[in-house]
Amino acid sequence: MSSFISALSSSTEKSSGLAIRSHVQNGRFREALSLYISSHKSGDRSDNIVVTAAIKACAQLSNMYLGSSLHTQMYKHGYSSDVYVGTSLVGFYSRLDGIQIARKVFDEMPVRNVVSWNTILAAYLKDGFLESARKVFDEMPIRDVISWNSMVSGYAKAGDMESAIILFREMPEKNPASWNSIICGWIDCGKIAFARDLFDQMHQKSTVSWVTMISGYTRSGDVDSAKSLFDQMDERDLFSWNAMITCYAQSGQPREAIELFNQMRKLYINGHLYPDKMTFSSIISACSQLGDLRFGLWIEGFMRDLQIELDEHLRTAFIDFYAKCGSIERASELFIGSSKRDLVSYSAMILGCGMNGKASDAIHLFDKMLDDDIVPNSVTFTGLLAAYRHAGLVEEGIRCFTSMWRDHKVAPSCNHYAIMVDLFGRVGRLDEAYRLIKSMPMQPHVGAWGALLLACRLHGNVKLGEIAAHNCFKLDPKASGYYVLLANIYAEAGEWDKAKRLREVMTEKGVSTSIGFSWVEFG
């Protein structure tokens, strides 16, 4: 009978151990620890593999108390010399308590394998101790491809591409991750041509290799090269599609992003590919740029059909979308329902209120943002200044413009100057608008001159109108709107000869007569 009970107990321990390991492998860390604690209270004795899994769960949940308890228990259960338990503790302490205790545990390990060495190497690299990491690397009795990749990646992330390349060339064996580390390093350094050269040398390219290169072109603004690579891919997974859709959305090509999404959706309809949160984040951004409320509403419905939860990142994207589309009430609902209001969500709401003429709401949100100890950024002030402009609150706008650099250390951009020029211009303070442009620390862009030109059109100022227009012509020679505005200024002032001559100049330069220009961008 006792042997039966013993066998039954052993069977129970094995099944609970398997369940704990399964929970950890599938990311169910709370369930794993709950089951571990329950089995421990029942008197079950966990083997070294189960203890290792429990320590990993503690690391993932940042549970220092339980992890330390497991460290103590390993002596009681005789696992103090177990390489797997020791290695998991090194990883645990490096993640939660810094490198010192992790190193102490590592030094006390009587037996170490290559995984143990890789774990302490990764710990030094994570905390930015590159020299100490290299010392560990040089001391390793055996190195595998992970050891080499970690060190190469560490140098690349630190921007030391010379050391990274030297080590990369010394590698006895390279896998796609080795190449990807170097490619990422060159991309981070802004050397996209070097990255592409290495990419082209790869015999076996993983999906990560393709996506890394596409993302690199996105960062450098080379959309055509990104699309060319995307088209060359024999097989495209979700990450590939997301990378290209994101490229279009971030590069100001929202229509292309939506067109590509629609191509991807055909694969979903056929059951081959399912969009995820990253897909929708980029598409919502594209809808925001287009101001396409109808398509954005459809996207929200499609997400519900796919049972994709609205996390804080997507919620903020929708806040920005609805605010820019003029549906400020829906944006407010989402903002109020947010469990974590951060800089991005506050700025999106302030910008939305500013664009939709709700100055008091924008000001209230800005004050609330400061009360929440959130530091405003450039986008925040774009929205706030736009609110003052819509309301015609010149003095308040001036104070805000001054405060942004004096009190909040945010350097005004060309866009901020353009909004202020427009604010002065709307109320007829054209000389102040002109002086502000002349005082800009950077080269004034067409937005600032365009705002002044429009103000001159509204208030009939020929002299300043000519100055503003000629600067617009130089900066954007093919935009007909600026010519038309100056021609209208001449016509309203009765200077018909100048108006006629200007239209002749347009014909000579091949400038189209279609009107379409913007003097303030909110991007």
Protein backbone atom coordinates (compact mmCIF):
# COMPACT_ATOMS: atom_id res chain seq x y z
CA MET A 1 0.00 0.00 0.00
CA SER A 2 2.81 2.39 0.91
CA SER A 3 4.46 1.76 -2.45
CA PHE A 4 1.19 2.60 -4.21
CA ILE A 5 0.88 5.88 -2.27
CA SER A 6 4.51 6.67 -3.04
CA ALA A 7 3.96 6.02 -6.74
CA LEU A 8 0.80 8.12 -6.73
CA SER A 9 2.63 10.97 -4.99
CA SER A 10 5.45 10.76 -7.51
CA SER A 11 2.95 10.84 -10.36
CA THR A 12 1.28 13.95 -8.89
CA GLU A 13 4.64 15.69 -8.54
CA LYS A 14 5.51 14.92 -12.16
CA SER A 15 2.17 16.16 -13.49
CA SER A 16 2.33 19.41 -11.51
CA GLY A 17 5.94 19.86 -12.62
CA LEU A 18 4.99 19.41 -16.26
CA ALA A 19 2.13 21.88 -15.83
CA ILE A 20 4.44 24.48 -14.25
CA ARG A 21 6.94 24.14 -17.09
CA SER A 22 4.15 24.36 -19.66
CA HIS A 23 2.78 27.53 -18.07
CA VAL A 24 6.22 29.18 -18.19
CA GLN A 25 6.86 28.11 -21.79
CA ASN A 26 3.54 29.65 -22.82
CA GLY A 27 4.00 32.91 -20.92
CA ARG A 28 1.51 32.11 -18.15
CA PHE A 29 3.87 33.11 -15.37
CA ARG A 30 1.31 33.87 -12.66
CA GLU A 31 -0.36 30.50 -13.17
CA ALA A 32 3.04 28.80 -13.00
CA LEU A 33 3.95 30.41 -9.68
CA SER A 34 0.50 29.81 -8.22
CA LEU A 35 0.78 26.11 -9.04
CA TYR A 36 4.36 25.96 -7.75
CA ILE A 37 3.37 27.49 -4.41
CA SER A 38 0.37 25.18 -4.14
CA SER A 39 2.41 22.05 -4.83
CA HIS A 40 5.13 23.23 -2.46
CA LYS A 41 2.58 23.64 0.35
CA SER A 42 1.32 20.12 -0.37
CA GLY A 43 4.78 18.81 0.34
CA ASP A 44 5.72 18.05 -3.27
CA ARG A 45 9.44 18.11 -3.96
CA SER A 46 10.18 19.88 -7.23
CA ASP A 47 13.06 18.78 -9.40
CA ASN A 48 15.76 21.12 -10.69
CA ILE A 49 13.97 21.76 -14.00
CA VAL A 50 10.77 22.85 -12.24
CA VAL A 51 12.71 25.11 -9.84
CA THR A 52 14.46 26.63 -12.86
CA ALA A 53 11.09 27.30 -14.51
CA ALA A 54 9.74 28.89 -11.31
CA ILE A 55 12.77 31.20 -11.07
CA LYS A 56 12.24 32.27 -14.69
CA ALA A 57 8.60 33.08 -13.86
CA CYS A 58 9.74 35.20 -10.90
CA ALA A 59 12.08 37.12 -13.19
CA GLN A 60 9.32 37.79 -15.72
CA LEU A 61 6.95 39.02 -12.98
CA SER A 62 9.69 40.97 -11.15
CA ASN A 63 8.88 38.97 -8.00
CA MET A 64 12.03 39.53 -5.98
CA TYR A 65 10.59 38.09 -2.75
CA LEU A 66 9.65 34.69 -4.17
CA GLY A 67 12.77 34.51 -6.33
CA SER A 68 14.98 35.11 -3.28
CA SER A 69 13.00 32.45 -1.40
CA LEU A 70 13.67 29.98 -4.18
CA HIS A 71 17.35 30.87 -3.97
CA THR A 72 17.30 29.95 -0.28
CA GLN A 73 15.35 26.74 -0.92
CA MET A 74 17.84 25.47 -3.48
CA TYR A 75 20.33 24.79 -0.67
CA LYS A 76 17.67 22.93 1.30
CA HIS A 77 16.79 20.75 -1.69
CA GLY A 78 20.40 20.11 -2.65
CA TYR A 79 20.46 22.16 -5.85
CA SER A 80 23.27 24.53 -4.83
CA SER A 81 25.59 22.91 -7.36
CA ASP A 82 23.00 22.48 -10.11
CA VAL A 83 24.07 24.33 -13.25
CA TYR A 84 20.51 24.92 -14.50
CA VAL A 85 19.24 26.38 -11.23
CA GLY A 86 22.38 28.49 -10.82
CA THR A 87 22.13 29.85 -14.36
CA SER A 88 18.48 30.78 -13.89
CA LEU A 89 19.39 32.66 -10.70
CA VAL A 90 22.09 34.61 -12.55
CA GLY A 91 19.44 35.65 -15.08
CA PHE A 92 16.95 36.44 -12.32
CA TYR A 93 19.26 38.75 -10.38
CA SER A 94 20.64 40.45 -13.48
CA ARG A 95 17.10 41.31 -14.49
CA LEU A 96 15.88 42.55 -11.12
CA ASP A 97 18.78 43.48 -8.87
CA GLY A 98 21.65 44.53 -11.07
CA ILE A 99 24.90 42.90 -12.03
CA GLN A 100 26.63 42.62 -8.64
CA ILE A 101 24.51 39.86 -7.08
CA ALA A 102 24.24 38.13 -10.45
CA ARG A 103 28.05 38.06 -10.66
CA LYS A 104 28.30 36.77 -7.08
CA VAL A 105 25.95 33.87 -7.86
CA PHE A 106 27.89 33.16 -11.05
CA ASP A 107 31.24 33.12 -9.24
CA GLU A 108 29.86 30.71 -6.60
CA MET A 109 28.67 28.21 -9.22
CA PRO A 110 30.89 25.09 -8.98
CA VAL A 111 29.90 24.06 -12.49
CA ARG A 112 29.20 26.36 -15.43
CA ASN A 113 28.19 25.62 -18.98
CA VAL A 114 28.11 27.86 -22.04
CA VAL A 115 24.58 28.99 -21.16
CA SER A 116 25.82 30.19 -17.76
CA TRP A 117 28.57 32.21 -19.41
CA ASN A 118 26.16 33.62 -21.99
CA THR A 119 23.80 34.67 -19.20
CA ILE A 120 26.41 36.68 -17.29
CA LEU A 121 27.70 38.08 -20.59
CA ALA A 122 24.17 39.26 -21.47
CA ALA A 123 23.83 40.77 -17.98
CA TYR A 124 26.90 42.97 -18.45
CA LEU A 125 25.78 44.01 -21.93
CA LYS A 126 22.26 44.84 -20.73
CA ASP A 127 23.64 47.20 -18.09
CA GLY A 128 26.05 48.82 -20.56
CA PHE A 129 29.30 47.44 -19.10
CA LEU A 130 30.95 46.78 -22.45
CA GLU A 131 34.52 46.35 -21.16
CA SER A 132 33.44 43.92 -18.45
CA ALA A 133 31.38 42.03 -21.00
CA ARG A 134 34.41 41.73 -23.29
CA LYS A 135 36.48 40.44 -20.36
CA VAL A 136 33.86 37.74 -19.71
CA PHE A 137 33.79 36.93 -23.43
CA ASP A 138 37.58 36.53 -23.53
CA GLU A 139 37.52 34.30 -20.41
CA MET A 140 34.88 31.93 -21.79
CA PRO A 141 36.28 28.39 -22.12
CA ILE A 142 33.76 27.61 -24.86
CA ARG A 143 31.85 30.06 -27.04
CA ASP A 144 28.85 29.26 -29.17
CA VAL A 145 27.22 31.40 -31.85
CA ILE A 146 25.05 33.08 -29.18
CA SER A 147 28.20 34.23 -27.33
CA TRP A 148 29.63 35.76 -30.49
CA ASN A 149 26.31 37.32 -31.51
CA SER A 150 25.83 38.87 -28.07
CA MET A 151 29.24 40.52 -28.10
CA VAL A 152 28.94 41.71 -31.69
CA SER A 153 25.47 43.10 -30.95
CA GLY A 154 26.78 44.79 -27.80
CA TYR A 155 29.43 46.66 -29.77
CA ALA A 156 26.96 47.54 -32.51
CA LYS A 157 24.38 48.91 -30.08
CA ALA A 158 27.08 51.01 -28.43
CA GLY A 159 27.99 52.46 -31.83
CA ASP A 160 31.45 50.87 -31.80
CA MET A 161 31.15 49.47 -35.30
CA GLU A 162 34.90 49.06 -35.73
CA SER A 163 35.06 46.54 -32.87
CA ALA A 164 31.81 44.94 -33.99
CA ILE A 165 33.11 44.36 -37.52
CA ILE A 166 36.45 42.98 -36.30
CA LEU A 167 34.68 40.48 -34.05
CA PHE A 168 32.16 39.66 -36.75
CA ARG A 169 34.95 38.74 -39.17
CA GLU A 170 36.59 36.53 -36.52
CA MET A 171 33.41 34.51 -35.95
CA PRO A 172 33.98 30.83 -36.75
CA GLU A 173 30.29 30.40 -37.55
CA LYS A 174 27.70 32.98 -38.52
CA ASN A 175 23.93 32.67 -38.58
CA PRO A 176 21.35 35.23 -39.82
CA ALA A 177 21.24 36.79 -36.33
CA SER A 178 24.99 37.54 -36.62
CA TRP A 179 24.46 39.43 -39.87
CA ASN A 180 21.35 41.16 -38.54
CA SER A 181 23.28 42.56 -35.55
CA ILE A 182 25.83 44.22 -37.82
CA ILE A 183 23.15 45.45 -40.21
CA CYS A 184 21.23 47.00 -37.28
CA GLY A 185 24.42 48.64 -36.07
CA TRP A 186 25.07 50.33 -39.41
CA ILE A 187 21.44 51.44 -39.63
CA ASP A 188 21.61 52.95 -36.13
CA CYS A 189 24.75 54.82 -37.19
CA GLY A 190 22.95 56.18 -40.24
CA LYS A 191 25.13 54.17 -42.64
CA ILE A 192 22.33 52.64 -44.68
CA ALA A 193 24.61 51.89 -47.67
CA PHE A 194 26.95 49.82 -45.46
CA ALA A 195 23.94 47.98 -44.07
CA ARG A 196 22.65 47.21 -47.56
CA ASP A 197 26.08 45.99 -48.67
CA LEU A 198 26.13 43.42 -45.84
CA PHE A 199 22.52 42.49 -46.50
CA ASP A 200 23.36 41.73 -50.13
CA GLN A 201 26.28 39.52 -49.00
CA MET A 202 24.01 37.27 -46.92
CA HIS A 203 23.56 33.79 -48.39
CA GLN A 204 20.57 32.98 -46.18
CA LYS A 205 18.33 35.88 -45.28
CA SER A 206 15.76 35.42 -42.53
CA THR A 207 12.51 37.35 -42.40
CA VAL A 208 14.11 39.45 -39.67
CA SER A 209 16.88 40.37 -42.13
CA TRP A 210 14.38 41.66 -44.69
CA VAL A 211 12.29 43.49 -42.10
CA THR A 212 15.40 45.05 -40.53
CA MET A 213 16.51 46.40 -43.89
CA ILE A 214 13.02 47.67 -44.78
CA SER A 215 12.82 49.42 -41.40
CA GLY A 216 16.26 50.91 -42.01
CA TYR A 217 15.09 52.44 -45.27
CA THR A 218 12.00 53.73 -43.45
CA ARG A 219 14.22 55.54 -40.95
CA SER A 220 16.31 57.04 -43.74
CA GLY A 221 13.21 58.14 -45.68
CA ASP A 222 13.94 55.94 -48.70
CA VAL A 223 10.46 54.54 -49.35
CA ASP A 224 11.25 53.37 -52.88
CA SER A 225 14.12 51.15 -51.72
CA ALA A 226 11.97 49.76 -48.92
CA LYS A 227 9.20 48.86 -51.38
CA SER A 228 11.71 47.36 -53.79
CA LEU A 229 12.95 45.01 -51.06
CA PHE A 230 9.40 44.16 -50.03
CA ASP A 231 8.56 43.22 -53.61
CA GLN A 232 11.65 40.99 -53.82
CA MET A 233 10.58 38.82 -50.87
CA ASP A 234 9.52 35.31 -51.87
CA GLU A 235 7.47 34.85 -48.71
CA ARG A 236 6.02 37.66 -46.64
CA ASP A 237 4.84 37.15 -43.08
CA LEU A 238 2.90 39.52 -40.84
CA PHE A 239 6.07 41.36 -39.77
CA SER A 240 6.99 42.05 -43.39
CA TRP A 241 3.58 43.50 -44.21
CA ASN A 242 3.58 45.56 -41.02
CA ALA A 243 7.05 46.93 -41.79
CA MET A 244 6.02 48.15 -45.24
CA ILE A 245 2.67 49.55 -44.10
CA THR A 246 4.48 51.37 -41.29
CA CYS A 247 7.02 52.68 -43.81
CA TYR A 248 4.27 54.29 -45.88
CA ALA A 249 2.42 55.65 -42.83
CA GLN A 250 5.55 57.18 -41.27
CA SER A 251 6.74 58.61 -44.60
CA GLY A 252 3.61 60.66 -45.27
CA GLN A 253 2.14 58.28 -47.84
CA PRO A 254 -1.12 57.27 -46.15
CA ARG A 255 -2.95 56.29 -49.34
CA GLU A 256 -0.22 53.79 -50.20
CA ALA A 257 -0.38 52.43 -46.63
CA ILE A 258 -4.12 51.83 -46.93
CA GLU A 259 -3.77 50.32 -50.40
CA LEU A 260 -1.17 47.85 -49.08
CA PHE A 261 -3.39 47.07 -46.10
CA ASN A 262 -6.23 46.22 -48.47
CA GLN A 263 -3.90 43.81 -50.30
CA MET A 264 -2.99 42.25 -46.98
CA ARG A 265 -6.68 41.97 -46.07
CA LYS A 266 -7.26 39.71 -49.07
CA LEU A 267 -4.83 37.25 -47.49
CA TYR A 268 -6.83 37.51 -44.26
CA ILE A 269 -10.07 36.79 -46.10
CA ASN A 270 -8.42 33.67 -47.53
CA GLY A 271 -7.34 32.65 -44.03
CA HIS A 272 -3.60 33.11 -44.62
CA LEU A 273 -2.75 36.24 -42.62
CA TYR A 274 -4.29 38.00 -39.63
CA PRO A 275 -3.62 41.70 -38.93
CA ASP A 276 -2.41 42.50 -35.41
CA LYS A 277 -2.17 45.57 -33.19
CA MET A 278 0.90 46.85 -35.02
CA THR A 279 -0.96 46.67 -38.33
CA PHE A 280 -3.87 48.67 -37.00
CA SER A 281 -1.65 51.22 -35.27
CA SER A 282 -0.07 52.13 -38.61
CA ILE A 283 -3.38 52.14 -40.48
CA ILE A 284 -5.01 54.38 -37.88
CA SER A 285 -2.08 56.77 -38.35
CA ALA A 286 -2.69 56.72 -42.11
CA CYS A 287 -6.39 57.47 -41.59
CA SER A 288 -5.43 60.38 -39.32
CA GLN A 289 -3.23 61.86 -42.02
CA LEU A 290 -6.03 61.61 -44.57
CA GLY A 291 -8.76 62.74 -42.18
CA ASP A 292 -10.76 59.75 -43.44
CA LEU A 293 -13.38 59.33 -40.71
CA ARG A 294 -15.40 56.76 -42.65
CA PHE A 295 -12.51 54.36 -43.18
CA GLY A 296 -11.30 54.86 -39.60
CA LEU A 297 -14.73 53.89 -38.27
CA TRP A 298 -14.62 50.78 -40.42
CA ILE A 299 -11.17 49.96 -39.01
CA GLU A 300 -12.51 50.21 -35.45
CA GLY A 301 -15.34 47.83 -36.36
CA PHE A 302 -12.94 45.42 -38.06
CA MET A 303 -10.82 45.34 -34.90
CA ARG A 304 -13.90 44.41 -32.86
CA ASP A 305 -14.68 41.60 -35.32
CA LEU A 306 -11.15 40.26 -34.82
CA GLN A 307 -11.54 40.66 -31.04
CA ILE A 308 -8.44 42.85 -30.84
CA GLU A 309 -8.47 44.66 -27.51
CA LEU A 310 -7.96 48.40 -27.41
CA ASP A 311 -4.72 48.76 -25.47
CA GLU A 312 -3.34 52.14 -24.45
CA HIS A 313 -1.23 52.48 -27.59
CA LEU A 314 -4.18 51.85 -29.91
CA ARG A 315 -6.44 54.02 -27.76
CA THR A 316 -4.02 56.92 -28.14
CA ALA A 317 -3.85 56.33 -31.89
CA PHE A 318 -7.65 56.52 -32.08
CA ILE A 319 -7.68 59.67 -29.92
CA ASP A 320 -5.33 61.30 -32.41
CA PHE A 321 -7.40 60.01 -35.33
CA TYR A 322 -10.79 61.21 -34.07
CA ALA A 323 -9.39 64.54 -32.92
CA LYS A 324 -7.84 65.25 -36.34
CA CYS A 325 -11.04 64.18 -38.08
CA GLY A 326 -13.06 66.70 -36.07
CA SER A 327 -14.86 64.10 -33.93
CA ILE A 328 -13.59 65.64 -30.72
CA GLU A 329 -16.42 64.15 -28.64
CA ARG A 330 -15.37 60.58 -29.50
CA ALA A 331 -11.72 61.48 -28.90
CA SER A 332 -12.71 62.84 -25.47
CA GLU A 333 -14.59 59.62 -24.63
CA LEU A 334 -11.52 57.55 -25.40
CA PHE A 335 -9.26 59.94 -23.49
CA ILE A 336 -11.47 59.92 -20.39
CA GLY A 337 -11.65 56.11 -20.53
CA SER A 338 -7.87 55.78 -20.63
CA SER A 339 -6.27 54.16 -17.58
CA LYS A 340 -2.93 55.78 -18.35
CA ARG A 341 -2.87 59.28 -19.77
CA ASP A 342 0.62 60.05 -20.97
CA LEU A 343 2.38 62.72 -23.01
CA VAL A 344 1.22 61.27 -26.33
CA SER A 345 -2.47 61.06 -25.41
CA TYR A 346 -2.51 64.51 -23.78
CA SER A 347 -0.73 66.05 -26.77
CA ALA A 348 -3.13 64.37 -29.20
CA MET A 349 -6.13 65.77 -27.33
CA ILE A 350 -4.64 69.26 -27.01
CA LEU A 351 -3.76 69.27 -30.71
CA GLY A 352 -7.26 68.06 -31.58
CA CYS A 353 -8.90 70.76 -29.47
CA GLY A 354 -6.60 73.37 -30.97
CA MET A 355 -7.40 72.33 -34.53
CA ASN A 356 -11.13 72.27 -33.83
CA GLY A 357 -11.31 75.70 -32.24
CA LYS A 358 -11.83 74.52 -28.65
CA ALA A 359 -9.34 76.85 -27.03
CA SER A 360 -10.67 76.62 -23.47
CA ASP A 361 -10.60 72.80 -23.58
CA ALA A 362 -7.03 72.81 -24.91
CA ILE A 363 -5.89 75.21 -22.18
CA HIS A 364 -7.65 73.16 -19.49
CA LEU A 365 -5.99 69.96 -20.73
CA PHE A 366 -2.60 71.64 -20.77
CA ASP A 367 -3.02 72.77 -17.16
CA LYS A 368 -4.17 69.29 -16.15
CA MET A 369 -1.17 67.80 -17.93
CA LEU A 370 1.21 69.98 -15.93
CA ASP A 371 -0.64 69.06 -12.72
CA ASP A 372 0.01 65.40 -13.57
CA ASP A 373 3.76 66.20 -13.82
CA ILE A 374 3.86 65.38 -17.53
CA VAL A 375 6.46 67.43 -19.40
CA PRO A 376 5.04 68.96 -22.63
CA ASN A 377 6.80 68.57 -25.95
CA SER A 378 6.78 70.21 -29.36
CA VAL A 379 3.48 68.60 -30.42
CA THR A 380 1.80 69.78 -27.22
CA PHE A 381 2.69 73.39 -27.98
CA THR A 382 1.62 73.05 -31.60
CA GLY A 383 -1.86 72.20 -30.35
CA LEU A 384 -1.89 74.91 -27.69
CA LEU A 385 -0.71 77.64 -30.06
CA ALA A 386 -3.26 76.49 -32.64
CA ALA A 387 -5.96 76.90 -29.99
CA TYR A 388 -4.89 80.47 -29.28
CA ARG A 389 -4.79 81.17 -33.01
CA HIS A 390 -8.31 79.87 -33.60
CA ALA A 391 -9.59 81.96 -30.71
CA GLY A 392 -7.66 85.06 -31.78
CA LEU A 393 -5.99 85.26 -28.35
CA VAL A 394 -2.83 87.06 -29.41
CA GLU A 395 -1.39 88.06 -26.04
CA GLU A 396 -2.04 84.61 -24.60
CA GLY A 397 -0.38 83.11 -27.67
CA ILE A 398 2.68 85.31 -27.21
CA ARG A 399 2.96 84.25 -23.56
CA CYS A 400 2.65 80.59 -24.55
CA PHE A 401 5.25 80.96 -27.30
CA THR A 402 7.67 82.62 -24.88
CA SER A 403 6.96 80.10 -22.13
CA MET A 404 7.66 77.07 -24.29
CA TRP A 405 11.37 77.82 -24.56
CA ARG A 406 11.84 79.85 -21.37
CA ASP A 407 9.95 77.62 -18.90
CA HIS A 408 9.73 74.26 -20.66
CA LYS A 409 12.98 74.25 -22.68
CA VAL A 410 11.17 73.35 -25.91
CA ALA A 411 12.83 75.05 -28.87
CA PRO A 412 10.22 76.53 -31.25
CA SER A 413 10.15 74.80 -34.63
CA CYS A 414 9.32 76.31 -38.01
CA ASN A 415 5.77 75.11 -37.46
CA HIS A 416 5.43 77.02 -34.18
CA TYR A 417 6.71 80.18 -35.84
CA ALA A 418 4.25 79.70 -38.71
CA ILE A 419 1.33 79.42 -36.29
CA MET A 420 2.41 82.60 -34.52
CA VAL A 421 2.77 84.42 -37.86
CA ASP A 422 -0.74 83.29 -38.73
CA LEU A 423 -2.02 84.44 -35.32
CA PHE A 424 -0.53 87.91 -35.80
CA GLY A 425 -1.74 88.02 -39.39
CA ARG A 426 -5.35 87.16 -38.62
CA VAL A 427 -5.72 90.19 -36.36
CA GLY A 428 -3.90 92.52 -38.75
CA ARG A 429 -0.59 92.79 -36.89
CA LEU A 430 1.37 92.23 -40.09
CA ASP A 431 4.52 94.14 -39.15
CA GLU A 432 4.92 91.98 -36.03
CA ALA A 433 4.36 88.87 -38.12
CA TYR A 434 7.08 89.97 -40.53
CA ARG A 435 9.51 90.81 -37.72
CA LEU A 436 8.90 87.39 -36.19
CA ILE A 437 9.81 85.70 -39.47
CA LYS A 438 12.99 87.78 -39.73
CA SER A 439 13.93 86.79 -36.17
CA MET A 440 13.68 83.05 -36.80
CA PRO A 441 16.93 81.28 -35.84
CA MET A 442 16.49 78.86 -38.74
CA GLN A 443 15.73 79.43 -42.43
CA PRO A 444 12.01 80.37 -42.59
CA HIS A 445 10.05 77.69 -44.40
CA VAL A 446 7.23 78.23 -46.87
CA GLY A 447 4.64 77.76 -44.12
CA ALA A 448 5.66 80.96 -42.34
CA TRP A 449 5.85 83.04 -45.54
CA GLY A 450 2.58 81.52 -46.75
CA ALA A 451 0.83 82.52 -43.52
CA LEU A 452 2.06 86.10 -43.94
CA LEU A 453 0.98 86.13 -47.60
CA LEU A 454 -2.54 85.03 -46.69
CA ALA A 455 -2.71 87.71 -44.01
CA CYS A 456 -1.63 90.33 -46.56
CA ARG A 457 -4.42 89.11 -48.84
CA LEU A 458 -6.95 89.47 -46.01
CA HIS A 459 -5.77 92.93 -45.02
CA GLY A 460 -4.72 94.29 -48.44
CA ASN A 461 -1.03 94.88 -47.70
CA VAL A 462 0.70 94.98 -51.11
CA LYS A 463 4.24 95.72 -49.92
CA LEU A 464 4.53 92.87 -47.42
CA GLY A 465 2.49 90.67 -49.72
CA GLU A 466 5.14 91.01 -52.43
CA ILE A 467 7.93 90.16 -49.98
CA ALA A 468 6.08 87.12 -48.67
CA ALA A 469 5.06 85.93 -52.14
CA HIS A 470 8.55 86.13 -53.64
CA ASN A 471 9.91 84.05 -50.76
CA CYS A 472 7.16 81.50 -51.37
CA PHE A 473 8.04 81.42 -55.07
CA LYS A 474 11.66 80.60 -54.22
CA LEU A 475 10.79 77.90 -51.70
CA ASP A 476 7.95 76.25 -53.63
CA PRO A 477 8.17 77.45 -57.26
CA LYS A 478 5.51 75.11 -58.66
CA ALA A 479 2.74 75.91 -56.15
CA SER A 480 0.18 78.07 -57.93
CA GLY A 481 -1.68 79.15 -54.80
CA TYR A 482 0.94 81.71 -53.84
CA TYR A 483 0.82 83.30 -57.30
CA VAL A 484 -2.97 83.45 -57.16
CA LEU A 485 -2.94 85.10 -53.72
CA LEU A 486 -0.51 87.80 -54.86
CA ALA A 487 -2.51 88.33 -58.06
CA ASN A 488 -5.63 88.83 -55.95
CA ILE A 489 -3.80 91.31 -53.72
CA TYR A 490 -2.83 93.30 -56.83
CA ALA A 491 -6.36 93.13 -58.24
CA GLU A 492 -8.00 94.34 -55.03
CA ALA A 493 -5.48 97.20 -54.85
CA GLY A 494 -6.33 98.15 -58.43
CA GLU A 495 -2.86 97.25 -59.71
CA TRP A 496 -4.13 95.38 -62.75
CA ASP A 497 -0.91 95.59 -64.73
CA LYS A 498 1.01 93.77 -61.99
CA ALA A 499 -1.73 91.16 -61.72
CA LYS A 500 -1.66 90.58 -65.47
CA ARG A 501 2.14 90.38 -65.53
CA LEU A 502 2.10 87.84 -62.67
CA ARG A 503 -0.27 85.56 -64.57
CA GLU A 504 2.03 85.80 -67.59
CA VAL A 505 4.97 84.76 -65.38
CA MET A 506 2.95 81.75 -64.23
CA THR A 507 2.41 80.72 -67.84
CA GLU A 508 6.10 81.21 -68.70
CA LYS A 509 7.19 79.06 -65.75
CA GLY A 510 4.60 76.39 -66.45
CA VAL A 511 2.92 76.83 -63.09
CA SER A 512 -0.47 75.13 -62.98
CA THR A 513 -3.41 77.35 -62.13
CA SER A 514 -4.94 74.79 -59.74
CA ILE A 515 -5.01 76.11 -56.20
CA GLY A 516 -3.90 73.85 -53.39
CA PHE A 517 -1.43 74.76 -50.72
CA SER A 518 -1.03 74.78 -46.95
CA TRP A 519 0.81 77.25 -44.78
CA VAL A 520 0.75 75.40 -41.47
CA GLU A 521 1.38 71.68 -41.16
CA PHE A 522 0.27 69.80 -38.10
CA GLY A 523 2.13 66.56 -38.86
